[in-house]
Amino acid sequence: MPLSSPLYKTASTTPTDYWNDSCSVEELTYAIERGAVGATTNPNIVLNVLNKEMPLWHDRIDAIIAENPTWSEALIAWKLIEEMASHGASLLQPVWERHHGRKGRLSIQTDPMFYRDWQAIVAQARHFDTLAPNMQVKMPATRAGVRAVEECTYHGVNVNATVSFTVPQAIAVAEAVERGLNRRAAEGQEIGQMTPVCTLMIGRTDDWMKVVAQRDGIAIDPASLNWAGLAVFKNAYHIWQERGYRVRLLAAAYRHLGHWSELIGGDIVLTIPYDWQLKINASDLPVVERIHHPVDPQIVAALYDQIPDFRRAYDPDGMAVEEFDGYGATVRTLRAFIQAAHDLMGVVREFMLPNPDNE
């Protein structure tokens, strides 16, 4: 039953919120019934939703094309992303109203190809912010993205920093949010309804450490590599408690059940893919506070001593903002998101220019 599920218990008995990691109607409905108070999208998620729920969107794609006879496949694709996000936001509207605007938001991602252009990110983010009252806007924690975070926050956009894997990125985002909030407050503008979040893609942090270990021939216990993202996240959370940043941390990119169970109890958000929600709700792991349980110091020491990129991710001063764009996990993720955006345009192309050889 939904009300007895581990995720419902997590959301209802601890400060930890959870979001559905897609805008799929089926998946988001399942999650909301079990206590989810948000959801997210990106080009890859939209592709997956289309593969799963194409019958819901087939006619609308045809209509968007017909309504805009001069538009390119890129414009059609982004219009589709906007409409899918807006539909997800409407499903979350009752949650947003029930929590008086503090929860119930849908995160829509800015074009990943803008990762070097803060002005383009800001312009698109401000547009996305008008799509629904409960919209949250994702932008990458790149050098340009950090600047965009401050400007968007100043303009009243609720941001969600993504493409983020390290403590230095999270701190840079938090400081940018603080500057944006302070600028708004100094001008007497509202900040009480601002609910910014900063994502740490902990599973992708793990992935990158595994790539580095394999690439560089590092002899380390493979099991230790599954703790890298959690160690980074828990270190960031400790810093958040000390500094009182007003942006909440969000954990994403699930690879194992510990990415949920080890973070229970934190004043954080967990954005969980549908398949992992099913696994969590089928598990018998007790819902108990673990956010303050440190990762085994021997595991952290092994990662820290043997993998330089873990040190860069773990230490608050492990990287300068100018280094964010070249960090391995950042490059891999940007490439994947940009490719997904191109693949989505390819789906639209099949509607606009169906292959005559198949007729």
Protein backbone atom coordinates (compact mmCIF):
# COMPACT_ATOMS: atom_id res chain seq x y z
CA MET A 1 0.00 0.00 0.00
CA PRO A 2 1.32 3.50 -0.78
CA LEU A 3 1.02 4.77 2.80
CA SER A 4 3.15 1.92 4.17
CA SER A 5 5.88 2.11 1.52
CA PRO A 6 9.46 2.97 2.53
CA LEU A 7 9.41 6.11 0.40
CA TYR A 8 6.17 7.31 1.96
CA LYS A 9 7.68 6.72 5.41
CA THR A 10 10.81 8.60 4.39
CA ALA A 11 8.78 11.58 3.19
CA SER A 12 6.26 11.61 6.04
CA THR A 13 8.43 10.85 9.08
CA THR A 14 11.72 12.60 8.27
CA PRO A 15 12.78 16.01 6.89
CA THR A 16 13.81 14.28 3.65
CA ASP A 17 11.71 15.06 0.58
CA TYR A 18 11.60 12.97 -2.52
CA TRP A 19 10.88 13.81 -6.14
CA ASN A 20 10.04 11.68 -9.13
CA ASP A 21 12.93 11.68 -11.58
CA SER A 22 10.77 12.19 -14.65
CA CYS A 23 7.65 13.91 -15.94
CA SER A 24 6.00 10.66 -17.08
CA VAL A 25 2.31 10.73 -16.20
CA GLU A 26 2.34 7.14 -14.98
CA GLU A 27 5.53 7.52 -12.97
CA LEU A 28 4.68 10.89 -11.47
CA THR A 29 1.20 9.70 -10.45
CA TYR A 30 2.76 6.69 -8.70
CA ALA A 31 5.26 8.93 -6.90
CA ILE A 32 2.75 11.55 -5.76
CA GLU A 33 0.62 8.79 -4.23
CA ARG A 34 3.66 7.80 -2.18
CA GLY A 35 4.60 11.24 -0.93
CA ALA A 36 6.64 12.77 -3.73
CA VAL A 37 6.59 16.57 -3.70
CA GLY A 38 8.39 17.38 -6.93
CA ALA A 39 9.66 16.08 -10.26
CA THR A 40 12.32 16.80 -12.81
CA THR A 41 13.05 16.64 -16.52
CA ASN A 42 15.99 16.85 -18.88
CA PRO A 43 16.35 15.99 -22.59
CA ASN A 44 17.23 12.37 -21.79
CA ILE A 45 14.22 12.04 -19.49
CA VAL A 46 11.93 13.51 -22.16
CA LEU A 47 13.26 10.95 -24.64
CA ASN A 48 12.54 8.14 -22.21
CA VAL A 49 9.05 9.48 -21.52
CA LEU A 50 8.31 9.64 -25.24
CA ASN A 51 9.47 6.05 -25.68
CA LYS A 52 7.13 5.00 -22.88
CA GLU A 53 4.14 7.27 -23.48
CA MET A 54 4.29 8.20 -27.16
CA PRO A 55 0.53 7.58 -27.65
CA LEU A 56 -0.10 10.49 -25.23
CA TRP A 57 2.06 12.87 -27.28
CA HIS A 58 1.86 11.69 -30.89
CA ASP A 59 -1.06 13.91 -31.89
CA ARG A 60 0.31 16.90 -29.99
CA ILE A 61 3.65 16.69 -31.80
CA ASP A 62 1.80 16.68 -35.12
CA ALA A 63 -0.23 19.68 -33.95
CA ILE A 64 2.83 21.68 -32.84
CA ILE A 65 4.39 21.10 -36.26
CA ALA A 66 1.19 22.15 -38.05
CA GLU A 67 0.75 25.25 -35.86
CA ASN A 68 4.30 26.46 -36.54
CA PRO A 69 5.05 25.92 -40.24
CA THR A 70 8.35 27.82 -40.20
CA TRP A 71 9.83 26.31 -37.06
CA SER A 72 12.95 24.14 -37.08
CA GLU A 73 13.06 20.73 -35.46
CA ALA A 74 15.01 22.31 -32.58
CA LEU A 75 12.21 24.81 -31.86
CA ILE A 76 9.60 22.06 -32.11
CA ALA A 77 11.59 19.85 -29.74
CA TRP A 78 11.93 22.58 -27.13
CA LYS A 79 8.24 23.44 -27.40
CA LEU A 80 7.52 19.78 -26.70
CA ILE A 81 9.83 19.85 -23.67
CA GLU A 82 7.98 22.92 -22.39
CA GLU A 83 4.59 21.28 -22.80
CA MET A 84 5.66 18.05 -21.13
CA ALA A 85 7.11 20.00 -18.22
CA SER A 86 3.99 22.15 -17.93
CA HIS A 87 1.82 19.04 -17.85
CA GLY A 88 3.97 17.62 -15.06
CA ALA A 89 3.68 20.91 -13.20
CA SER A 90 -0.12 20.68 -13.43
CA LEU A 91 -0.02 17.23 -11.79
CA LEU A 92 2.03 18.74 -8.96
CA GLN A 93 -0.15 21.84 -8.61
CA PRO A 94 -2.21 20.41 -5.72
CA VAL A 95 1.02 19.62 -3.84
CA TRP A 96 2.29 23.15 -4.50
CA GLU A 97 -0.96 24.65 -3.20
CA ARG A 98 -1.09 22.38 -0.17
CA HIS A 99 2.44 23.42 0.82
CA HIS A 100 1.82 27.11 0.06
CA GLY A 101 4.43 27.20 -2.71
CA ARG A 102 7.23 25.64 -0.69
CA LYS A 103 6.98 22.25 -2.42
CA GLY A 104 5.35 20.79 -5.51
CA ARG A 105 7.65 22.13 -8.22
CA LEU A 106 8.59 20.67 -11.61
CA SER A 107 12.20 21.18 -12.71
CA ILE A 108 12.73 21.91 -16.40
CA GLN A 109 16.27 21.95 -17.77
CA THR A 110 17.76 24.70 -19.88
CA ASP A 111 19.41 23.78 -23.17
CA PRO A 112 22.63 21.90 -22.28
CA MET A 113 24.29 23.45 -25.33
CA PHE A 114 24.19 26.79 -23.48
CA TYR A 115 26.65 25.57 -20.83
CA ARG A 116 29.20 28.26 -21.78
CA ASP A 117 26.76 31.17 -22.20
CA TRP A 118 25.34 32.56 -18.96
CA GLN A 119 23.20 35.13 -20.73
CA ALA A 120 21.51 32.47 -22.88
CA ILE A 121 20.88 30.35 -19.78
CA VAL A 122 19.33 33.30 -17.95
CA ALA A 123 17.11 34.27 -20.87
CA GLN A 124 15.78 30.75 -21.31
CA ALA A 125 15.39 30.25 -17.56
CA ARG A 126 13.33 33.42 -17.19
CA HIS A 127 11.10 32.24 -20.02
CA PHE A 128 10.67 28.79 -18.46
CA ASP A 129 9.78 30.46 -15.17
CA THR A 130 6.63 31.87 -16.83
CA LEU A 131 5.32 28.47 -17.95
CA ALA A 132 3.69 27.59 -14.61
CA PRO A 133 3.60 29.08 -11.11
CA ASN A 134 5.32 25.98 -9.71
CA MET A 135 8.19 25.74 -12.19
CA GLN A 136 11.81 25.24 -11.13
CA VAL A 137 14.60 25.74 -13.67
CA LYS A 138 17.71 23.61 -14.03
CA MET A 139 21.03 24.95 -15.20
CA PRO A 140 24.51 23.41 -15.14
CA ALA A 141 27.10 24.05 -12.45
CA THR A 142 29.61 25.15 -15.07
CA ARG A 143 31.55 28.40 -14.96
CA ALA A 144 28.81 30.19 -16.90
CA GLY A 145 26.08 28.28 -15.07
CA VAL A 146 27.22 29.51 -11.66
CA ARG A 147 26.94 33.10 -12.85
CA ALA A 148 23.51 32.29 -14.29
CA VAL A 149 22.42 30.86 -10.92
CA GLU A 150 23.02 34.21 -9.25
CA GLU A 151 21.29 36.22 -11.96
CA CYS A 152 18.31 33.88 -12.17
CA THR A 153 17.90 33.89 -8.39
CA TYR A 154 18.02 37.68 -8.40
CA HIS A 155 15.25 37.71 -11.00
CA GLY A 156 13.07 35.45 -8.86
CA VAL A 157 13.65 32.16 -10.68
CA ASN A 158 13.73 29.08 -8.43
CA VAL A 159 16.89 27.38 -9.61
CA ASN A 160 18.04 23.78 -9.61
CA ALA A 161 21.76 23.53 -10.31
CA THR A 162 22.57 20.31 -12.17
CA VAL A 163 25.59 18.72 -13.89
CA SER A 164 27.12 18.93 -10.42
CA PHE A 165 29.21 16.21 -8.75
CA THR A 166 31.55 17.88 -6.29
CA VAL A 167 31.67 19.87 -3.08
CA PRO A 168 33.36 22.84 -4.80
CA GLN A 169 30.55 23.02 -7.37
CA ALA A 170 27.89 22.84 -4.66
CA ILE A 171 29.57 25.58 -2.64
CA ALA A 172 29.91 27.83 -5.70
CA VAL A 173 26.20 27.34 -6.40
CA ALA A 174 25.27 28.04 -2.79
CA GLU A 175 27.31 31.24 -2.71
CA ALA A 176 25.74 32.34 -6.01
CA VAL A 177 22.25 31.73 -4.59
CA GLU A 178 23.13 33.71 -1.48
CA ARG A 179 24.27 36.64 -3.59
CA GLY A 180 21.12 36.51 -5.68
CA LEU A 181 18.84 36.32 -2.64
CA ASN A 182 20.67 39.14 -0.90
CA ARG A 183 20.37 41.36 -3.97
CA ARG A 184 16.62 40.71 -4.11
CA ALA A 185 16.19 41.35 -0.39
CA ALA A 186 18.17 44.60 -0.60
CA GLU A 187 15.66 45.84 -3.16
CA GLY A 188 12.69 44.77 -1.07
CA GLN A 189 11.76 41.93 -3.43
CA GLU A 190 10.12 38.74 -2.18
CA ILE A 191 12.35 35.79 -1.24
CA GLY A 192 10.04 33.88 1.12
CA GLN A 193 8.74 31.62 -1.66
CA MET A 194 12.17 30.93 -3.12
CA THR A 195 13.09 27.23 -2.91
CA PRO A 196 16.43 26.79 -4.72
CA VAL A 197 18.15 23.42 -4.79
CA CYS A 198 21.62 22.24 -5.77
CA THR A 199 21.90 18.77 -7.24
CA LEU A 200 24.80 16.44 -6.59
CA MET A 201 24.65 13.61 -9.12
CA ILE A 202 26.15 11.10 -6.71
CA GLY A 203 25.75 8.07 -8.98
CA ARG A 204 27.63 9.87 -11.74
CA THR A 205 30.35 10.75 -9.21
CA ASP A 206 30.67 7.01 -8.56
CA ASP A 207 30.70 6.35 -12.31
CA TRP A 208 33.55 8.78 -12.87
CA MET A 209 35.68 7.30 -10.09
CA LYS A 210 35.23 3.87 -11.69
CA VAL A 211 36.28 5.25 -15.08
CA VAL A 212 39.36 6.90 -13.55
CA ALA A 213 40.31 3.76 -11.61
CA GLN A 214 40.03 1.65 -14.76
CA ARG A 215 41.76 4.19 -16.98
CA ASP A 216 44.69 4.80 -14.65
CA GLY A 217 45.09 1.24 -13.39
CA ILE A 218 44.36 2.20 -9.78
CA ALA A 219 44.26 -0.87 -7.52
CA ILE A 220 41.39 -0.09 -5.17
CA ASP A 221 38.62 -2.22 -3.68
CA PRO A 222 35.80 -1.91 -6.26
CA ALA A 223 33.24 -1.73 -3.46
CA SER A 224 34.82 1.49 -2.22
CA LEU A 225 33.97 3.20 -5.50
CA ASN A 226 30.24 2.85 -4.72
CA TRP A 227 30.72 5.15 -1.72
CA ALA A 228 32.39 8.05 -3.51
CA GLY A 229 29.21 10.02 -4.25
CA LEU A 230 27.82 9.42 -0.76
CA ALA A 231 31.08 10.62 0.82
CA VAL A 232 30.97 13.78 -1.28
CA PHE A 233 27.30 14.39 -0.47
CA LYS A 234 27.69 13.83 3.28
CA ASN A 235 30.69 16.14 3.37
CA ALA A 236 28.68 18.82 1.56
CA TYR A 237 25.77 18.34 3.96
CA HIS A 238 28.11 18.81 6.94
CA ILE A 239 29.32 22.08 5.41
CA TRP A 240 25.69 23.16 4.82
CA GLN A 241 24.90 22.65 8.49
CA GLU A 242 27.87 24.77 9.49
CA ARG A 243 27.25 27.60 7.03
CA GLY A 244 23.46 27.70 6.86
CA TYR A 245 23.14 28.03 3.10
CA ARG A 246 19.57 28.67 1.94
CA VAL A 247 19.79 26.30 -1.04
CA ARG A 248 18.85 22.69 -0.30
CA LEU A 249 21.03 19.84 -1.46
CA LEU A 250 19.49 17.29 -3.81
CA ALA A 251 20.84 13.80 -4.52
CA ALA A 252 20.38 12.35 -8.01
CA ALA A 253 21.57 9.60 -10.37
CA TYR A 254 20.78 6.42 -8.47
CA ARG A 255 22.97 3.34 -8.76
CA HIS A 256 22.15 1.37 -5.58
CA LEU A 257 19.76 1.43 -2.62
CA GLY A 258 22.35 3.15 -0.44
CA HIS A 259 21.83 6.31 -2.47
CA TRP A 260 18.46 6.46 -0.70
CA SER A 261 18.99 4.72 2.63
CA GLU A 262 22.27 6.45 3.55
CA LEU A 263 20.74 9.91 3.13
CA ILE A 264 17.51 9.42 5.09
CA GLY A 265 16.93 12.12 7.70
CA GLY A 266 18.66 15.02 6.00
CA ASP A 267 16.86 18.25 5.22
CA ILE A 268 17.42 17.44 1.57
CA VAL A 269 15.70 16.26 -1.59
CA LEU A 270 16.14 12.87 -3.24
CA THR A 271 15.13 12.72 -6.91
CA ILE A 272 14.54 9.05 -7.64
CA PRO A 273 13.91 7.29 -10.95
CA TYR A 274 10.73 5.24 -11.14
CA ASP A 275 12.55 1.90 -11.39
CA TRP A 276 14.50 2.70 -8.25
CA GLN A 277 11.32 3.74 -6.47
CA LEU A 278 9.94 0.28 -7.18
CA LYS A 279 13.11 -1.34 -5.82
CA ILE A 280 13.09 0.83 -2.70
CA ASN A 281 9.42 0.17 -2.01
CA ALA A 282 10.01 -3.57 -2.43
CA SER A 283 12.95 -3.56 -0.04
CA ASP A 284 12.93 -4.38 3.65
CA LEU A 285 15.54 -1.76 4.61
CA PRO A 286 14.33 0.11 7.71
CA VAL A 287 13.57 3.80 7.34
CA VAL A 288 15.94 5.25 9.93
CA GLU A 289 18.11 8.37 10.04
CA ARG A 290 21.51 7.73 8.44
CA ILE A 291 22.52 11.11 7.02
CA HIS A 292 24.78 11.70 10.02
CA HIS A 293 26.40 8.26 9.81
CA PRO A 294 29.82 8.94 8.28
CA VAL A 295 31.11 6.86 5.42
CA ASP A 296 33.70 4.38 6.71
CA PRO A 297 36.85 6.49 7.23
CA GLN A 298 38.99 3.72 5.70
CA ILE A 299 36.94 3.89 2.50
CA VAL A 300 37.20 7.67 2.36
CA ALA A 301 40.94 7.48 3.01
CA ALA A 302 41.43 4.93 0.22
CA LEU A 303 39.50 7.07 -2.25
CA TYR A 304 41.26 10.23 -1.12
CA ASP A 305 44.77 8.79 -1.23
CA GLN A 306 44.47 6.90 -4.53
CA ILE A 307 42.17 8.96 -6.78
CA PRO A 308 43.12 12.62 -7.34
CA ASP A 309 39.70 13.38 -8.86
CA PHE A 310 38.05 12.23 -5.65
CA ARG A 311 40.12 14.75 -3.73
CA ARG A 312 38.99 17.42 -6.20
CA ALA A 313 35.37 16.37 -5.58
CA TYR A 314 35.60 15.98 -1.80
CA ASP A 315 37.62 18.99 -0.65
CA PRO A 316 35.76 22.33 -0.44
CA ASP A 317 38.65 23.96 -2.29
CA GLY A 318 39.36 20.99 -4.54
CA MET A 319 38.62 22.97 -7.70
CA ALA A 320 38.30 26.58 -8.80
CA VAL A 321 35.19 27.62 -10.71
CA GLU A 322 37.34 27.91 -13.83
CA GLU A 323 38.02 24.16 -13.63
CA PHE A 324 34.39 23.00 -13.47
CA ASP A 325 33.87 22.70 -17.22
CA GLY A 326 36.82 20.36 -17.66
CA TYR A 327 36.07 17.98 -14.78
CA GLY A 328 35.59 14.49 -16.17
CA ALA A 329 32.09 13.86 -14.81
CA THR A 330 30.99 17.26 -16.09
CA VAL A 331 32.29 16.57 -19.60
CA ARG A 332 30.71 13.10 -19.72
CA THR A 333 27.34 14.36 -18.51
CA LEU A 334 27.24 17.41 -20.78
CA ARG A 335 28.05 15.20 -23.74
CA ALA A 336 25.22 12.83 -22.78
CA PHE A 337 22.69 15.64 -22.29
CA ILE A 338 23.66 17.35 -25.55
CA GLN A 339 23.40 14.05 -27.40
CA ALA A 340 19.96 13.44 -25.88
CA ALA A 341 18.85 16.87 -27.10
CA HIS A 342 20.03 15.98 -30.61
CA ASP A 343 18.29 12.59 -30.37
CA LEU A 344 15.07 14.31 -29.38
CA MET A 345 15.36 16.51 -32.46
CA GLY A 346 15.76 13.31 -34.44
CA VAL A 347 12.45 12.05 -33.08
CA VAL A 348 10.80 15.31 -34.12
CA ARG A 349 12.45 15.02 -37.55
CA GLU A 350 10.68 11.71 -38.13
CA PHE A 351 7.37 13.55 -37.67
CA MET A 352 8.39 16.47 -39.86
CA LEU A 353 10.15 14.49 -42.58
CA PRO A 354 8.98 10.87 -42.42
CA ASN A 355 11.22 8.50 -44.35
CA PRO A 356 9.59 7.88 -47.77
CA ASP A 357 11.41 4.54 -48.03
CA ASN A 358 9.14 3.19 -45.30
CA GLU A 359 5.94 3.95 -47.18
